[in-house]
Amino acid sequence: LIVEPHGGPHGGARDLGCKPQWHYFSGEGFAVFAPNFRGSDGYGRDFARANFSDWGIGDYQDIMTGVDYLIAQGIAHPERLVVGGWSYGGYMTAWMVTQTDRFKAAMKGCGVTNHVSMYGQTDIPTFMRLYFADGSPAQRLELYRKLSPMIYLQRVKTPTHILHGAEDKRVPLPQSEEFYAGLKSVGVDVEFVKYPREGHGIGEPRHALDVLKRQLAWYKKYVKRNA
């Protein structure tokens, strides 16, 4: 099973037939779970606001509840779980590997890892304030730190592949550089690829294909090893 948290966080997994990567992965034997956890759109205002000041807490619980359900239904094998997402999905991937070792491999794409430094790097600091009790790190430092994956690096056991556009302004490259250096420092198996000319998302066809091939190879490497 590939768990794919969506970006946003005020976004959603929709248009199921139009996600080419899902077809690509399913053709290689993976089921794909793309949950609309709390904070997603399409379920009303209260649901969309349900992860304010709560990134990585309630939405993580929602995702893992879905994973457990798929295991109970026989769709997923508990020893063959991987996770990978982009943007907020990349943040959730980084967060999830600091909270559990149930996933055999992970791919973090263009995701936030340190909210404190992100506030000073991103082109949308007001967006950060919105989700962090309407405050900057100067007012809400404890909350910014509490919800940052970088704080919990010593917990990570999951082999992690990091992909990022070199020209990303939304979630700047140092967010992945910090996480890579941190994982290396605690002995986690980690690889880091930067894509030239790319911003917050991978658009050039050769790069997009490379992303899929790398992601699939990383997942297969560790799922096969633990089969």
C-alpha atoms as a PDB file:
ATOM      1  CA  LEU A   1       0.000   0.000   0.000  1.00  0.00           C
ATOM      2  CA  ILE A   2       1.182   3.504  -0.880  1.00  0.00           C
ATOM      3  CA  VAL A   3      -0.256   6.154   1.428  1.00  0.00           C
ATOM      4  CA  GLU A   4      -0.331   9.487  -0.428  1.00  0.00           C
ATOM      5  CA  PRO A   5      -1.331  12.502   1.694  1.00  0.00           C
ATOM      6  CA  HIS A   6      -2.451  15.385  -0.493  1.00  0.00           C
ATOM      7  CA  GLY A   7      -1.118  18.929  -0.543  1.00  0.00           C
ATOM      8  CA  GLY A   8      -2.755  22.034   0.817  1.00  0.00           C
ATOM      9  CA  PRO A   9      -3.536  21.255   3.545  1.00  0.00           C
ATOM     10  CA  HIS A  10      -6.782  22.848   2.368  1.00  0.00           C
ATOM     11  CA  GLY A  11      -6.940  20.666  -0.723  1.00  0.00           C
ATOM     12  CA  GLY A  12      -8.172  17.192  -1.437  1.00  0.00           C
ATOM     13  CA  ALA A  13      -7.770  13.933  -3.278  1.00  0.00           C
ATOM     14  CA  ARG A  14     -10.225  13.977  -6.162  1.00  0.00           C
ATOM     15  CA  ASP A  15     -10.504  13.236  -9.897  1.00  0.00           C
ATOM     16  CA  LEU A  16      -9.450   9.678  -9.236  1.00  0.00           C
ATOM     17  CA  GLY A  17      -9.187   8.704 -12.879  1.00  0.00           C
ATOM     18  CA  CYS A  18      -6.872  11.614 -13.711  1.00  0.00           C
ATOM     19  CA  LYS A  19      -3.886  10.886 -11.471  1.00  0.00           C
ATOM     20  CA  PRO A  20      -1.355   9.233 -13.782  1.00  0.00           C
ATOM     21  CA  GLN A  21       0.957   8.275 -10.922  1.00  0.00           C
ATOM     22  CA  TRP A  22      -1.804   6.217  -9.313  1.00  0.00           C
ATOM     23  CA  HIS A  23      -2.221   4.220 -12.516  1.00  0.00           C
ATOM     24  CA  TYR A  24       1.548   3.839 -12.736  1.00  0.00           C
ATOM     25  CA  PHE A  25       1.843   2.520  -9.183  1.00  0.00           C
ATOM     26  CA  SER A  26      -1.206   0.266  -9.373  1.00  0.00           C
ATOM     27  CA  GLY A  27       0.214  -1.258 -12.541  1.00  0.00           C
ATOM     28  CA  GLU A  28       3.240  -2.259 -10.456  1.00  0.00           C
ATOM     29  CA  GLY A  29       1.134  -4.012  -7.833  1.00  0.00           C
ATOM     30  CA  PHE A  30       0.498  -1.240  -5.297  1.00  0.00           C
ATOM     31  CA  ALA A  31      -2.824  -0.114  -3.914  1.00  0.00           C
ATOM     32  CA  VAL A  32      -2.938   3.656  -3.353  1.00  0.00           C
ATOM     33  CA  PHE A  33      -4.654   5.283  -0.373  1.00  0.00           C
ATOM     34  CA  ALA A  34      -5.245   9.027  -0.891  1.00  0.00           C
ATOM     35  CA  PRO A  35      -7.248  10.151   2.165  1.00  0.00           C
ATOM     36  CA  ASN A  36      -9.168  13.379   2.636  1.00  0.00           C
ATOM     37  CA  PHE A  37      -8.135  13.900   6.245  1.00  0.00           C
ATOM     38  CA  ARG A  38      -9.384  16.719   8.465  1.00  0.00           C
ATOM     39  CA  GLY A  39      -8.384  20.061   6.978  1.00  0.00           C
ATOM     40  CA  SER A  40      -9.347  18.943   3.460  1.00  0.00           C
ATOM     41  CA  ASP A  41     -11.873  20.883   1.407  1.00  0.00           C
ATOM     42  CA  GLY A  42     -15.220  19.619   0.178  1.00  0.00           C
ATOM     43  CA  TYR A  43     -16.651  18.749   3.607  1.00  0.00           C
ATOM     44  CA  GLY A  44     -17.673  22.152   4.920  1.00  0.00           C
ATOM     45  CA  ARG A  45     -16.012  25.004   6.796  1.00  0.00           C
ATOM     46  CA  ASP A  46     -15.662  23.281  10.160  1.00  0.00           C
ATOM     47  CA  PHE A  47     -13.907  20.262   8.655  1.00  0.00           C
ATOM     48  CA  ALA A  48     -11.596  22.505   6.619  1.00  0.00           C
ATOM     49  CA  ARG A  49     -10.577  24.367   9.772  1.00  0.00           C
ATOM     50  CA  ALA A  50     -10.198  21.233  11.887  1.00  0.00           C
ATOM     51  CA  ASN A  51      -6.390  21.159  11.616  1.00  0.00           C
ATOM     52  CA  PHE A  52      -5.756  24.801  12.554  1.00  0.00           C
ATOM     53  CA  SER A  53      -2.947  24.770  15.149  1.00  0.00           C
ATOM     54  CA  ASP A  54      -3.059  20.975  14.826  1.00  0.00           C
ATOM     55  CA  TRP A  55      -0.904  20.032  11.845  1.00  0.00           C
ATOM     56  CA  GLY A  56       0.274  16.440  12.113  1.00  0.00           C
ATOM     57  CA  ILE A  57      -1.978  15.550  15.038  1.00  0.00           C
ATOM     58  CA  GLY A  58      -5.603  14.952  14.030  1.00  0.00           C
ATOM     59  CA  ASP A  59      -4.859  14.557  10.333  1.00  0.00           C
ATOM     60  CA  TYR A  60      -2.218  11.938  11.144  1.00  0.00           C
ATOM     61  CA  GLN A  61      -4.764  10.053  13.252  1.00  0.00           C
ATOM     62  CA  ASP A  62      -7.242  10.141  10.369  1.00  0.00           C
ATOM     63  CA  ILE A  63      -4.686   8.721   7.945  1.00  0.00           C
ATOM     64  CA  MET A  64      -3.624   5.899  10.249  1.00  0.00           C
ATOM     65  CA  THR A  65      -7.252   4.992  10.961  1.00  0.00           C
ATOM     66  CA  GLY A  66      -7.697   4.588   7.218  1.00  0.00           C
ATOM     67  CA  VAL A  67      -4.560   2.463   6.955  1.00  0.00           C
ATOM     68  CA  ASP A  68      -5.786   0.178   9.728  1.00  0.00           C
ATOM     69  CA  TYR A  69      -9.133  -0.170   7.981  1.00  0.00           C
ATOM     70  CA  LEU A  70      -7.472  -1.181   4.700  1.00  0.00           C
ATOM     71  CA  ILE A  71      -5.384  -3.757   6.542  1.00  0.00           C
ATOM     72  CA  ALA A  72      -8.500  -5.159   8.230  1.00  0.00           C
ATOM     73  CA  GLN A  73     -10.179  -5.392   4.809  1.00  0.00           C
ATOM     74  CA  GLY A  74      -7.255  -7.362   3.398  1.00  0.00           C
ATOM     75  CA  ILE A  75      -6.399  -4.649   0.873  1.00  0.00           C
ATOM     76  CA  ALA A  76      -3.091  -3.765   2.532  1.00  0.00           C
ATOM     77  CA  HIS A  77      -0.421  -5.897   4.200  1.00  0.00           C
ATOM     78  CA  PRO A  78       0.867  -4.501   7.516  1.00  0.00           C
ATOM     79  CA  GLU A  79       4.468  -5.277   6.526  1.00  0.00           C
ATOM     80  CA  ARG A  80       4.208  -3.687   3.079  1.00  0.00           C
ATOM     81  CA  LEU A  81       3.264  -0.102   3.804  1.00  0.00           C
ATOM     82  CA  VAL A  82       4.990   2.944   2.281  1.00  0.00           C
ATOM     83  CA  VAL A  83       4.157   6.647   2.343  1.00  0.00           C
ATOM     84  CA  GLY A  84       4.893   9.534   0.024  1.00  0.00           C
ATOM     85  CA  GLY A  85       3.456  12.969  -0.643  1.00  0.00           C
ATOM     86  CA  TRP A  86       4.180  16.447  -2.010  1.00  0.00           C
ATOM     87  CA  SER A  87       3.903  19.883  -0.433  1.00  0.00           C
ATOM     88  CA  TYR A  88       1.652  19.447   2.619  1.00  0.00           C
ATOM     89  CA  GLY A  89       1.741  15.765   1.748  1.00  0.00           C
ATOM     90  CA  GLY A  90       5.518  16.040   2.003  1.00  0.00           C
ATOM     91  CA  TYR A  91       5.143  17.620   5.423  1.00  0.00           C
ATOM     92  CA  MET A  92       2.802  14.815   6.479  1.00  0.00           C
ATOM     93  CA  THR A  93       5.290  12.235   5.195  1.00  0.00           C
ATOM     94  CA  ALA A  94       8.105  13.808   7.213  1.00  0.00           C
ATOM     95  CA  TRP A  95       5.844  14.015  10.244  1.00  0.00           C
ATOM     96  CA  MET A  96       4.614  10.430   9.932  1.00  0.00           C
ATOM     97  CA  VAL A  97       8.085   8.901   9.868  1.00  0.00           C
ATOM     98  CA  THR A  98       8.835  10.740  13.127  1.00  0.00           C
ATOM     99  CA  GLN A  99       5.698   9.281  14.725  1.00  0.00           C
ATOM    100  CA  THR A 100       5.716   5.642  13.613  1.00  0.00           C
ATOM    101  CA  ASP A 101       8.012   2.986  12.167  1.00  0.00           C
ATOM    102  CA  ARG A 102       5.172   1.097  10.468  1.00  0.00           C
ATOM    103  CA  PHE A 103       6.179   2.308   7.001  1.00  0.00           C
ATOM    104  CA  LYS A 104       8.981   0.457   5.244  1.00  0.00           C
ATOM    105  CA  ALA A 105       9.916   3.413   3.034  1.00  0.00           C
ATOM    106  CA  ALA A 106       8.968   7.048   2.527  1.00  0.00           C
ATOM    107  CA  MET A 107       9.242   9.762  -0.130  1.00  0.00           C
ATOM    108  CA  LYS A 108       9.075  13.400   0.967  1.00  0.00           C
ATOM    109  CA  GLY A 109       8.467  15.808  -1.911  1.00  0.00           C
ATOM    110  CA  CYS A 110       8.839  19.585  -1.410  1.00  0.00           C
ATOM    111  CA  GLY A 111       7.624  19.354   2.175  1.00  0.00           C
ATOM    112  CA  VAL A 112       8.016  21.563   5.248  1.00  0.00           C
ATOM    113  CA  THR A 113      10.171  20.117   8.007  1.00  0.00           C
ATOM    114  CA  ASN A 114      10.938  23.097  10.254  1.00  0.00           C
ATOM    115  CA  HIS A 115       8.118  25.598  10.746  1.00  0.00           C
ATOM    116  CA  VAL A 116      10.347  28.143  12.462  1.00  0.00           C
ATOM    117  CA  SER A 117      12.775  28.480   9.557  1.00  0.00           C
ATOM    118  CA  MET A 118       9.971  28.008   7.020  1.00  0.00           C
ATOM    119  CA  TYR A 119       8.314  31.198   8.274  1.00  0.00           C
ATOM    120  CA  GLY A 120      11.344  33.227   7.235  1.00  0.00           C
ATOM    121  CA  GLN A 121      11.915  31.383   3.945  1.00  0.00           C
ATOM    122  CA  THR A 122       8.517  30.969   2.301  1.00  0.00           C
ATOM    123  CA  ASP A 123       6.824  33.459  -0.011  1.00  0.00           C
ATOM    124  CA  ILE A 124       3.574  33.132   1.997  1.00  0.00           C
ATOM    125  CA  PRO A 125       4.362  33.756   5.693  1.00  0.00           C
ATOM    126  CA  THR A 126       0.791  34.983   6.229  1.00  0.00           C
ATOM    127  CA  PHE A 127      -0.352  31.465   5.314  1.00  0.00           C
ATOM    128  CA  MET A 128       1.731  30.096   8.157  1.00  0.00           C
ATOM    129  CA  ARG A 129       0.220  32.579  10.588  1.00  0.00           C
ATOM    130  CA  LEU A 130      -3.286  31.497   9.588  1.00  0.00           C
ATOM    131  CA  TYR A 131      -2.647  27.908  10.645  1.00  0.00           C
ATOM    132  CA  PHE A 132      -0.546  28.712  13.710  1.00  0.00           C
ATOM    133  CA  ALA A 133      -2.972  30.570  15.957  1.00  0.00           C
ATOM    134  CA  ASP A 134      -2.601  33.775  13.922  1.00  0.00           C
ATOM    135  CA  GLY A 135       0.957  34.276  15.117  1.00  0.00           C
ATOM    136  CA  SER A 136       4.546  34.195  13.910  1.00  0.00           C
ATOM    137  CA  PRO A 137       7.295  32.214  15.667  1.00  0.00           C
ATOM    138  CA  ALA A 138       7.839  35.323  17.775  1.00  0.00           C
ATOM    139  CA  GLN A 139       4.393  34.840  19.319  1.00  0.00           C
ATOM    140  CA  ARG A 140       3.886  31.068  18.922  1.00  0.00           C
ATOM    141  CA  LEU A 141       7.351  29.548  19.098  1.00  0.00           C
ATOM    142  CA  GLU A 142       6.298  26.538  21.191  1.00  0.00           C
ATOM    143  CA  LEU A 143       3.543  25.620  18.719  1.00  0.00           C
ATOM    144  CA  TYR A 144       5.813  26.074  15.669  1.00  0.00           C
ATOM    145  CA  ARG A 145       8.418  23.799  17.244  1.00  0.00           C
ATOM    146  CA  LYS A 146       5.944  21.221  18.537  1.00  0.00           C
ATOM    147  CA  LEU A 147       4.563  20.578  15.036  1.00  0.00           C
ATOM    148  CA  SER A 148       7.953  20.485  13.247  1.00  0.00           C
ATOM    149  CA  PRO A 149       9.288  17.078  12.145  1.00  0.00           C
ATOM    150  CA  MET A 150      12.861  18.309  12.681  1.00  0.00           C
ATOM    151  CA  ILE A 151      12.308  18.228  16.447  1.00  0.00           C
ATOM    152  CA  TYR A 152      11.765  14.456  16.423  1.00  0.00           C
ATOM    153  CA  LEU A 153      14.548  13.217  14.153  1.00  0.00           C
ATOM    154  CA  GLN A 154      15.892  10.806  16.745  1.00  0.00           C
ATOM    155  CA  ARG A 155      12.690   8.754  16.355  1.00  0.00           C
ATOM    156  CA  VAL A 156      13.031   8.108  12.614  1.00  0.00           C
ATOM    157  CA  LYS A 157      13.797   4.586  11.396  1.00  0.00           C
ATOM    158  CA  THR A 158      12.122   4.691   7.975  1.00  0.00           C
ATOM    159  CA  PRO A 159      14.361   4.892   4.863  1.00  0.00           C
ATOM    160  CA  THR A 160      13.447   8.229   3.298  1.00  0.00           C
ATOM    161  CA  HIS A 161      13.846   9.571  -0.234  1.00  0.00           C
ATOM    162  CA  ILE A 162      13.736  13.378  -0.505  1.00  0.00           C
ATOM    163  CA  LEU A 163      12.856  15.151  -3.776  1.00  0.00           C
ATOM    164  CA  HIS A 164      12.700  18.925  -4.230  1.00  0.00           C
ATOM    165  CA  GLY A 165      12.663  21.579  -6.939  1.00  0.00           C
ATOM    166  CA  ALA A 166      15.798  23.719  -6.764  1.00  0.00           C
ATOM    167  CA  GLU A 167      13.847  26.935  -7.445  1.00  0.00           C
ATOM    168  CA  ASP A 168      10.963  26.322  -5.057  1.00  0.00           C
ATOM    169  CA  LYS A 169       9.781  29.568  -3.422  1.00  0.00           C
ATOM    170  CA  ARG A 170       6.725  28.178  -1.657  1.00  0.00           C
ATOM    171  CA  VAL A 171       8.584  25.533   0.357  1.00  0.00           C
ATOM    172  CA  PRO A 172      12.203  26.557  -0.203  1.00  0.00           C
ATOM    173  CA  LEU A 173      14.963  24.026  -0.722  1.00  0.00           C
ATOM    174  CA  PRO A 174      16.537  24.469   2.756  1.00  0.00           C
ATOM    175  CA  GLN A 175      13.511  22.698   4.237  1.00  0.00           C
ATOM    176  CA  SER A 176      14.646  19.474   2.574  1.00  0.00           C
ATOM    177  CA  GLU A 177      18.330  20.197   3.140  1.00  0.00           C
ATOM    178  CA  GLU A 178      17.702  20.449   6.884  1.00  0.00           C
ATOM    179  CA  PHE A 179      15.790  17.186   6.956  1.00  0.00           C
ATOM    180  CA  TYR A 180      18.407  15.375   4.870  1.00  0.00           C
ATOM    181  CA  ALA A 181      21.261  16.516   7.097  1.00  0.00           C
ATOM    182  CA  GLY A 182      19.264  15.624  10.184  1.00  0.00           C
ATOM    183  CA  LEU A 183      18.425  12.115   8.989  1.00  0.00           C
ATOM    184  CA  LYS A 184      22.040  11.522   8.013  1.00  0.00           C
ATOM    185  CA  SER A 185      23.142  12.575  11.488  1.00  0.00           C
ATOM    186  CA  VAL A 186      20.988   9.898  13.136  1.00  0.00           C
ATOM    187  CA  GLY A 187      21.953   7.122  10.715  1.00  0.00           C
ATOM    188  CA  VAL A 188      18.751   6.843   8.671  1.00  0.00           C
ATOM    189  CA  ASP A 189      19.045   5.526   5.113  1.00  0.00           C
ATOM    190  CA  VAL A 190      18.280   8.667   3.102  1.00  0.00           C
ATOM    191  CA  GLU A 191      18.752   9.979  -0.439  1.00  0.00           C
ATOM    192  CA  PHE A 192      18.206  13.543  -1.654  1.00  0.00           C
ATOM    193  CA  VAL A 193      17.586  14.687  -5.240  1.00  0.00           C
ATOM    194  CA  LYS A 194      17.298  18.326  -6.336  1.00  0.00           C
ATOM    195  CA  TYR A 195      15.683  19.074  -9.696  1.00  0.00           C
ATOM    196  CA  PRO A 196      17.147  22.086 -11.535  1.00  0.00           C
ATOM    197  CA  ARG A 197      14.792  24.802 -12.811  1.00  0.00           C
ATOM    198  CA  GLU A 198      11.838  23.302 -10.928  1.00  0.00           C
ATOM    199  CA  GLY A 199       9.663  25.198  -8.477  1.00  0.00           C
ATOM    200  CA  HIS A 200       6.996  23.929  -6.103  1.00  0.00           C
ATOM    201  CA  GLY A 201       6.188  20.892  -8.174  1.00  0.00           C
ATOM    202  CA  ILE A 202       7.982  19.024 -10.922  1.00  0.00           C
ATOM    203  CA  GLY A 203       6.925  20.066 -14.400  1.00  0.00           C
ATOM    204  CA  GLU A 204       9.557  19.135 -16.979  1.00  0.00           C
ATOM    205  CA  PRO A 205       8.572  15.783 -18.552  1.00  0.00           C
ATOM    206  CA  ARG A 206      11.939  14.098 -18.028  1.00  0.00           C
ATOM    207  CA  HIS A 207      11.995  15.204 -14.403  1.00  0.00           C
ATOM    208  CA  ALA A 208       8.399  14.061 -13.852  1.00  0.00           C
ATOM    209  CA  LEU A 209       9.230  10.621 -15.223  1.00  0.00           C
ATOM    210  CA  ASP A 210      12.371  10.491 -13.105  1.00  0.00           C
ATOM    211  CA  VAL A 211      10.285  11.219 -10.009  1.00  0.00           C
ATOM    212  CA  LEU A 212       8.001   8.264 -10.693  1.00  0.00           C
ATOM    213  CA  LYS A 213      10.857   5.881 -11.434  1.00  0.00           C
ATOM    214  CA  ARG A 214      12.815   6.900  -8.343  1.00  0.00           C
ATOM    215  CA  GLN A 215       9.771   6.704  -6.117  1.00  0.00           C
ATOM    216  CA  LEU A 216       8.787   3.254  -7.358  1.00  0.00           C
ATOM    217  CA  ALA A 217      12.347   1.918  -7.101  1.00  0.00           C
ATOM    218  CA  TRP A 218      12.667   3.218  -3.524  1.00  0.00           C
ATOM    219  CA  TYR A 219       9.398   1.632  -2.456  1.00  0.00           C
ATOM    220  CA  LYS A 220      10.144  -1.699  -4.117  1.00  0.00           C
ATOM    221  CA  LYS A 221      13.613  -1.836  -2.598  1.00  0.00           C
ATOM    222  CA  TYR A 222      12.333  -1.789   0.955  1.00  0.00           C
ATOM    223  CA  VAL A 223       8.999  -3.561   0.513  1.00  0.00           C
ATOM    224  CA  LYS A 224      10.808  -6.450  -1.161  1.00  0.00           C
ATOM    225  CA  ARG A 225      13.455  -6.520   1.536  1.00  0.00           C
ATOM    226  CA  ASN A 226      10.789  -6.767   4.230  1.00  0.00           C
ATOM    227  CA  ALA A 227       8.397  -9.076   2.375  1.00  0.00           C
END
